Amino acid sequence: MAQVQRDLCRLLFALVSSDNPEHVIAILEMAWPWTRALPANDQLELAAEVGRVAEMSESLGTYRPLLDVIADWRRTARAWADGLVPLESVEIAEELHAERP
């Protein structure tokens, strides 16, 4: 099972790393129909984040971070589908600083 998870993460990373944004959105909409509820910019952000996290998860051999990111984006899509809109933009620092455990 672990090999299948690693292979799926590599495939996911390769798919969402496409240079063509329309291709990335088409892939997401086929694989995860719920992404159609997201604005195009959010779909591209989802692809970028999922790609990075999939690559990291595969290299660490832990898939919880990837599952959490996908679940968070799905909740965001559900909010958009329910007619909720963001109250304000939130800028995330490019480099997050964290204490080591």
N, C-alpha and C. Protein backbone atom coordinates (compact mmCIF):
# COMPACT_ATOMS: atom_id res chain seq x y z
N MET A 1 0.81 -1.19 0.00
CA MET A 1 0.00 0.00 0.00
C MET A 1 0.86 1.26 0.00
N ALA A 2 1.95 1.24 0.75
CA ALA A 2 2.82 2.42 0.83
C ALA A 2 3.39 2.77 -0.54
N GLN A 3 3.74 1.77 -1.35
CA GLN A 3 4.26 2.03 -2.69
C GLN A 3 3.21 2.69 -3.56
N VAL A 4 1.97 2.26 -3.44
CA VAL A 4 0.88 2.86 -4.20
C VAL A 4 0.71 4.32 -3.80
N GLN A 5 0.76 4.61 -2.50
CA GLN A 5 0.64 5.99 -2.03
C GLN A 5 1.78 6.85 -2.57
N ARG A 6 3.00 6.33 -2.55
CA ARG A 6 4.14 7.08 -3.08
C ARG A 6 3.96 7.36 -4.56
N ASP A 7 3.53 6.34 -5.30
CA ASP A 7 3.33 6.51 -6.74
C ASP A 7 2.23 7.53 -7.03
N LEU A 8 1.14 7.49 -6.26
CA LEU A 8 0.05 8.44 -6.46
C LEU A 8 0.51 9.86 -6.15
N CYS A 9 1.32 10.04 -5.14
CA CYS A 9 1.85 11.37 -4.82
C CYS A 9 2.74 11.89 -5.94
N ARG A 10 3.58 11.02 -6.48
CA ARG A 10 4.43 11.43 -7.60
C ARG A 10 3.59 11.82 -8.82
N LEU A 11 2.57 11.03 -9.09
CA LEU A 11 1.68 11.32 -10.21
C LEU A 11 0.94 12.64 -9.99
N LEU A 12 0.42 12.84 -8.80
CA LEU A 12 -0.29 14.07 -8.47
C LEU A 12 0.63 15.28 -8.63
N PHE A 13 1.83 15.18 -8.11
CA PHE A 13 2.79 16.28 -8.23
C PHE A 13 3.09 16.59 -9.70
N ALA A 14 3.31 15.55 -10.49
CA ALA A 14 3.61 15.75 -11.91
C ALA A 14 2.44 16.39 -12.64
N LEU A 15 1.23 15.96 -12.35
CA LEU A 15 0.05 16.49 -13.03
C LEU A 15 -0.18 17.96 -12.73
N VAL A 16 -0.07 18.34 -11.47
CA VAL A 16 -0.37 19.72 -11.10
C VAL A 16 0.81 20.66 -11.32
N SER A 17 1.94 20.13 -11.75
CA SER A 17 3.11 20.96 -12.03
C SER A 17 3.14 21.43 -13.47
N SER A 18 2.07 21.23 -14.20
CA SER A 18 1.99 21.64 -15.60
C SER A 18 2.15 23.15 -15.72
N ASP A 19 2.76 23.58 -16.82
CA ASP A 19 2.93 25.02 -17.07
C ASP A 19 1.65 25.67 -17.58
N ASN A 20 0.67 24.88 -17.99
CA ASN A 20 -0.55 25.39 -18.59
C ASN A 20 -1.68 25.42 -17.54
N PRO A 21 -2.04 26.62 -17.04
CA PRO A 21 -3.08 26.70 -16.00
C PRO A 21 -4.41 26.07 -16.41
N GLU A 22 -4.81 26.23 -17.67
CA GLU A 22 -6.07 25.64 -18.11
C GLU A 22 -6.03 24.12 -18.03
N HIS A 23 -4.87 23.54 -18.33
CA HIS A 23 -4.70 22.09 -18.24
C HIS A 23 -4.79 21.64 -16.79
N VAL A 24 -4.17 22.38 -15.89
CA VAL A 24 -4.22 22.04 -14.46
C VAL A 24 -5.67 22.07 -13.97
N ILE A 25 -6.41 23.12 -14.33
CA ILE A 25 -7.81 23.24 -13.90
C ILE A 25 -8.64 22.09 -14.47
N ALA A 26 -8.41 21.74 -15.72
CA ALA A 26 -9.14 20.63 -16.34
C ALA A 26 -8.86 19.32 -15.61
N ILE A 27 -7.61 19.10 -15.25
CA ILE A 27 -7.25 17.87 -14.52
C ILE A 27 -7.96 17.84 -13.16
N LEU A 28 -7.90 18.97 -12.43
CA LEU A 28 -8.55 19.02 -11.13
C LEU A 28 -10.05 18.76 -11.24
N GLU A 29 -10.68 19.38 -12.23
CA GLU A 29 -12.13 19.23 -12.36
C GLU A 29 -12.53 17.79 -12.73
N MET A 30 -11.67 17.10 -13.47
CA MET A 30 -11.96 15.70 -13.79
C MET A 30 -11.73 14.80 -12.59
N ALA A 31 -10.63 15.04 -11.89
CA ALA A 31 -10.28 14.18 -10.75
C ALA A 31 -11.14 14.47 -9.53
N TRP A 32 -11.36 15.74 -9.26
CA TRP A 32 -12.11 16.18 -8.08
C TRP A 32 -13.20 17.15 -8.53
N PRO A 33 -14.37 16.68 -8.90
CA PRO A 33 -15.43 17.57 -9.39
C PRO A 33 -15.77 18.71 -8.43
N TRP A 34 -15.55 18.54 -7.15
CA TRP A 34 -15.85 19.59 -6.18
C TRP A 34 -15.01 20.84 -6.40
N THR A 35 -13.88 20.73 -7.12
CA THR A 35 -13.05 21.92 -7.37
C THR A 35 -13.74 22.91 -8.29
N ARG A 36 -14.78 22.47 -9.01
CA ARG A 36 -15.52 23.38 -9.90
C ARG A 36 -16.20 24.50 -9.12
N ALA A 37 -16.41 24.32 -7.83
CA ALA A 37 -17.02 25.35 -7.00
C ALA A 37 -16.04 26.47 -6.65
N LEU A 38 -14.76 26.22 -6.86
CA LEU A 38 -13.74 27.22 -6.54
C LEU A 38 -13.51 28.17 -7.71
N PRO A 39 -13.20 29.44 -7.41
CA PRO A 39 -12.78 30.35 -8.47
C PRO A 39 -11.48 29.83 -9.11
N ALA A 40 -11.22 30.22 -10.35
CA ALA A 40 -10.05 29.73 -11.08
C ALA A 40 -8.75 30.00 -10.32
N ASN A 41 -8.62 31.18 -9.72
CA ASN A 41 -7.39 31.47 -8.97
C ASN A 41 -7.21 30.52 -7.80
N ASP A 42 -8.31 30.19 -7.12
CA ASP A 42 -8.22 29.24 -6.02
C ASP A 42 -7.85 27.85 -6.53
N GLN A 43 -8.37 27.47 -7.69
CA GLN A 43 -8.01 26.16 -8.25
C GLN A 43 -6.51 26.08 -8.50
N LEU A 44 -5.94 27.16 -9.00
CA LEU A 44 -4.49 27.17 -9.26
C LEU A 44 -3.70 27.16 -7.95
N GLU A 45 -4.20 27.87 -6.94
CA GLU A 45 -3.54 27.84 -5.63
C GLU A 45 -3.62 26.44 -5.03
N LEU A 46 -4.79 25.80 -5.16
CA LEU A 46 -4.96 24.43 -4.68
C LEU A 46 -3.93 23.52 -5.36
N ALA A 47 -3.81 23.63 -6.68
CA ALA A 47 -2.88 22.79 -7.42
C ALA A 47 -1.45 22.99 -6.94
N ALA A 48 -1.05 24.24 -6.75
CA ALA A 48 0.31 24.52 -6.30
C ALA A 48 0.55 23.95 -4.91
N GLU A 49 -0.41 24.16 -4.01
CA GLU A 49 -0.24 23.67 -2.64
C GLU A 49 -0.25 22.15 -2.59
N VAL A 50 -1.21 21.54 -3.27
CA VAL A 50 -1.31 20.08 -3.26
C VAL A 50 -0.06 19.46 -3.89
N GLY A 51 0.44 20.06 -4.95
CA GLY A 51 1.65 19.54 -5.58
C GLY A 51 2.84 19.53 -4.64
N ARG A 52 3.05 20.67 -3.96
CA ARG A 52 4.18 20.77 -3.01
C ARG A 52 4.01 19.80 -1.85
N VAL A 53 2.79 19.72 -1.31
CA VAL A 53 2.56 18.85 -0.16
C VAL A 53 2.64 17.38 -0.57
N ALA A 54 2.17 17.04 -1.77
CA ALA A 54 2.28 15.66 -2.25
C ALA A 54 3.74 15.25 -2.37
N GLU A 55 4.55 16.14 -2.93
CA GLU A 55 5.98 15.84 -3.07
C GLU A 55 6.63 15.68 -1.69
N MET A 56 6.30 16.57 -0.76
CA MET A 56 6.85 16.49 0.60
C MET A 56 6.39 15.20 1.28
N SER A 57 5.09 14.89 1.17
CA SER A 57 4.55 13.70 1.82
C SER A 57 5.21 12.44 1.29
N GLU A 58 5.39 12.39 -0.02
CA GLU A 58 6.03 11.22 -0.62
C GLU A 58 7.45 11.07 -0.10
N SER A 59 8.19 12.16 0.00
CA SER A 59 9.58 12.06 0.43
C SER A 59 9.70 11.71 1.91
N LEU A 60 8.69 12.09 2.71
CA LEU A 60 8.72 11.79 4.14
C LEU A 60 8.04 10.46 4.46
N GLY A 61 7.23 9.95 3.52
CA GLY A 61 6.52 8.71 3.78
C GLY A 61 5.34 8.88 4.73
N THR A 62 4.81 10.10 4.82
CA THR A 62 3.64 10.36 5.64
C THR A 62 2.63 11.12 4.80
N TYR A 63 1.39 10.70 4.82
CA TYR A 63 0.39 11.24 3.91
C TYR A 63 -0.68 12.07 4.61
N ARG A 64 -0.59 12.18 5.92
CA ARG A 64 -1.57 12.97 6.69
C ARG A 64 -1.59 14.43 6.24
N PRO A 65 -0.42 15.08 6.04
CA PRO A 65 -0.46 16.48 5.59
C PRO A 65 -1.20 16.65 4.27
N LEU A 66 -1.02 15.73 3.34
CA LEU A 66 -1.69 15.81 2.05
C LEU A 66 -3.19 15.63 2.22
N LEU A 67 -3.60 14.67 3.01
CA LEU A 67 -5.03 14.45 3.26
C LEU A 67 -5.66 15.67 3.93
N ASP A 68 -4.92 16.30 4.84
CA ASP A 68 -5.43 17.49 5.52
C ASP A 68 -5.61 18.66 4.55
N VAL A 69 -4.63 18.87 3.66
CA VAL A 69 -4.72 19.96 2.69
C VAL A 69 -5.91 19.75 1.76
N ILE A 70 -6.08 18.54 1.27
CA ILE A 70 -7.20 18.25 0.38
C ILE A 70 -8.53 18.47 1.10
N ALA A 71 -8.62 18.02 2.36
CA ALA A 71 -9.86 18.21 3.14
C ALA A 71 -10.14 19.70 3.36
N ASP A 72 -9.10 20.48 3.63
CA ASP A 72 -9.28 21.93 3.83
C ASP A 72 -9.81 22.59 2.56
N TRP A 73 -9.23 22.23 1.42
CA TRP A 73 -9.69 22.81 0.15
C TRP A 73 -11.11 22.37 -0.17
N ARG A 74 -11.46 21.15 0.16
CA ARG A 74 -12.82 20.67 -0.09
C ARG A 74 -13.82 21.48 0.75
N ARG A 75 -13.45 21.77 2.00
CA ARG A 75 -14.32 22.60 2.84
C ARG A 75 -14.45 24.01 2.25
N THR A 76 -13.37 24.54 1.69
CA THR A 76 -13.43 25.85 1.05
C THR A 76 -14.36 25.81 -0.15
N ALA A 77 -14.27 24.76 -0.95
CA ALA A 77 -15.17 24.61 -2.11
C ALA A 77 -16.62 24.52 -1.65
N ARG A 78 -16.86 23.80 -0.59
CA ARG A 78 -18.22 23.68 -0.06
C ARG A 78 -18.74 25.06 0.38
N ALA A 79 -17.89 25.86 0.99
CA ALA A 79 -18.29 27.20 1.41
C ALA A 79 -18.65 28.06 0.19
N TRP A 80 -17.82 28.00 -0.86
CA TRP A 80 -18.13 28.74 -2.09
C TRP A 80 -19.46 28.25 -2.68
N ALA A 81 -19.66 26.95 -2.69
CA ALA A 81 -20.90 26.39 -3.25
C ALA A 81 -22.12 26.83 -2.44
N ASP A 82 -21.93 27.04 -1.15
CA ASP A 82 -23.02 27.49 -0.29
C ASP A 82 -23.24 29.00 -0.38
N GLY A 83 -22.44 29.68 -1.21
CA GLY A 83 -22.62 31.11 -1.40
C GLY A 83 -21.83 31.98 -0.45
N LEU A 84 -20.97 31.38 0.35
CA LEU A 84 -20.14 32.17 1.26
C LEU A 84 -18.95 32.74 0.49
N VAL A 85 -18.56 33.93 0.84
CA VAL A 85 -17.40 34.56 0.20
C VAL A 85 -16.43 35.00 1.28
N PRO A 86 -15.15 35.10 0.95
CA PRO A 86 -14.17 35.54 1.95
C PRO A 86 -14.48 36.97 2.41
N LEU A 87 -14.27 37.20 3.70
CA LEU A 87 -14.46 38.54 4.23
C LEU A 87 -13.32 39.46 3.85
N GLU A 88 -12.12 38.90 3.78
CA GLU A 88 -10.94 39.67 3.42
C GLU A 88 -9.87 38.74 2.91
N SER A 89 -8.94 39.27 2.17
CA SER A 89 -7.82 38.47 1.70
C SER A 89 -6.85 38.26 2.85
N VAL A 90 -6.27 37.09 2.87
CA VAL A 90 -5.27 36.78 3.89
C VAL A 90 -3.97 36.49 3.17
N GLU A 91 -2.96 37.26 3.48
CA GLU A 91 -1.64 37.04 2.89
C GLU A 91 -0.89 36.08 3.79
N ILE A 92 -0.29 35.08 3.20
CA ILE A 92 0.51 34.12 3.95
C ILE A 92 1.97 34.40 3.64
N ALA A 93 2.75 34.51 4.68
CA ALA A 93 4.18 34.78 4.50
C ALA A 93 4.80 33.68 3.67
N GLU A 94 5.72 34.07 2.79
CA GLU A 94 6.37 33.06 1.95
C GLU A 94 7.17 32.08 2.78
N GLU A 95 7.79 32.57 3.82
CA GLU A 95 8.55 31.67 4.69
C GLU A 95 7.91 31.69 6.07
N LEU A 96 7.39 30.55 6.46
CA LEU A 96 6.80 30.43 7.77
C LEU A 96 7.88 29.93 8.73
N HIS A 97 7.89 30.50 9.89
CA HIS A 97 8.89 30.13 10.89
C HIS A 97 8.24 29.25 11.93
N ALA A 98 8.81 28.11 12.20
CA ALA A 98 8.20 27.20 13.17
C ALA A 98 9.29 26.64 14.08
N GLU A 99 8.91 26.38 15.30
CA GLU A 99 9.81 25.73 16.25
C GLU A 99 9.91 24.26 15.88
N ARG A 100 11.05 23.69 16.07
CA ARG A 100 11.21 22.24 15.85
C ARG A 100 10.68 21.49 17.05
N PRO A 101 10.05 20.35 16.83
CA PRO A 101 9.54 19.56 17.97
C PRO A 101 10.67 18.97 18.78
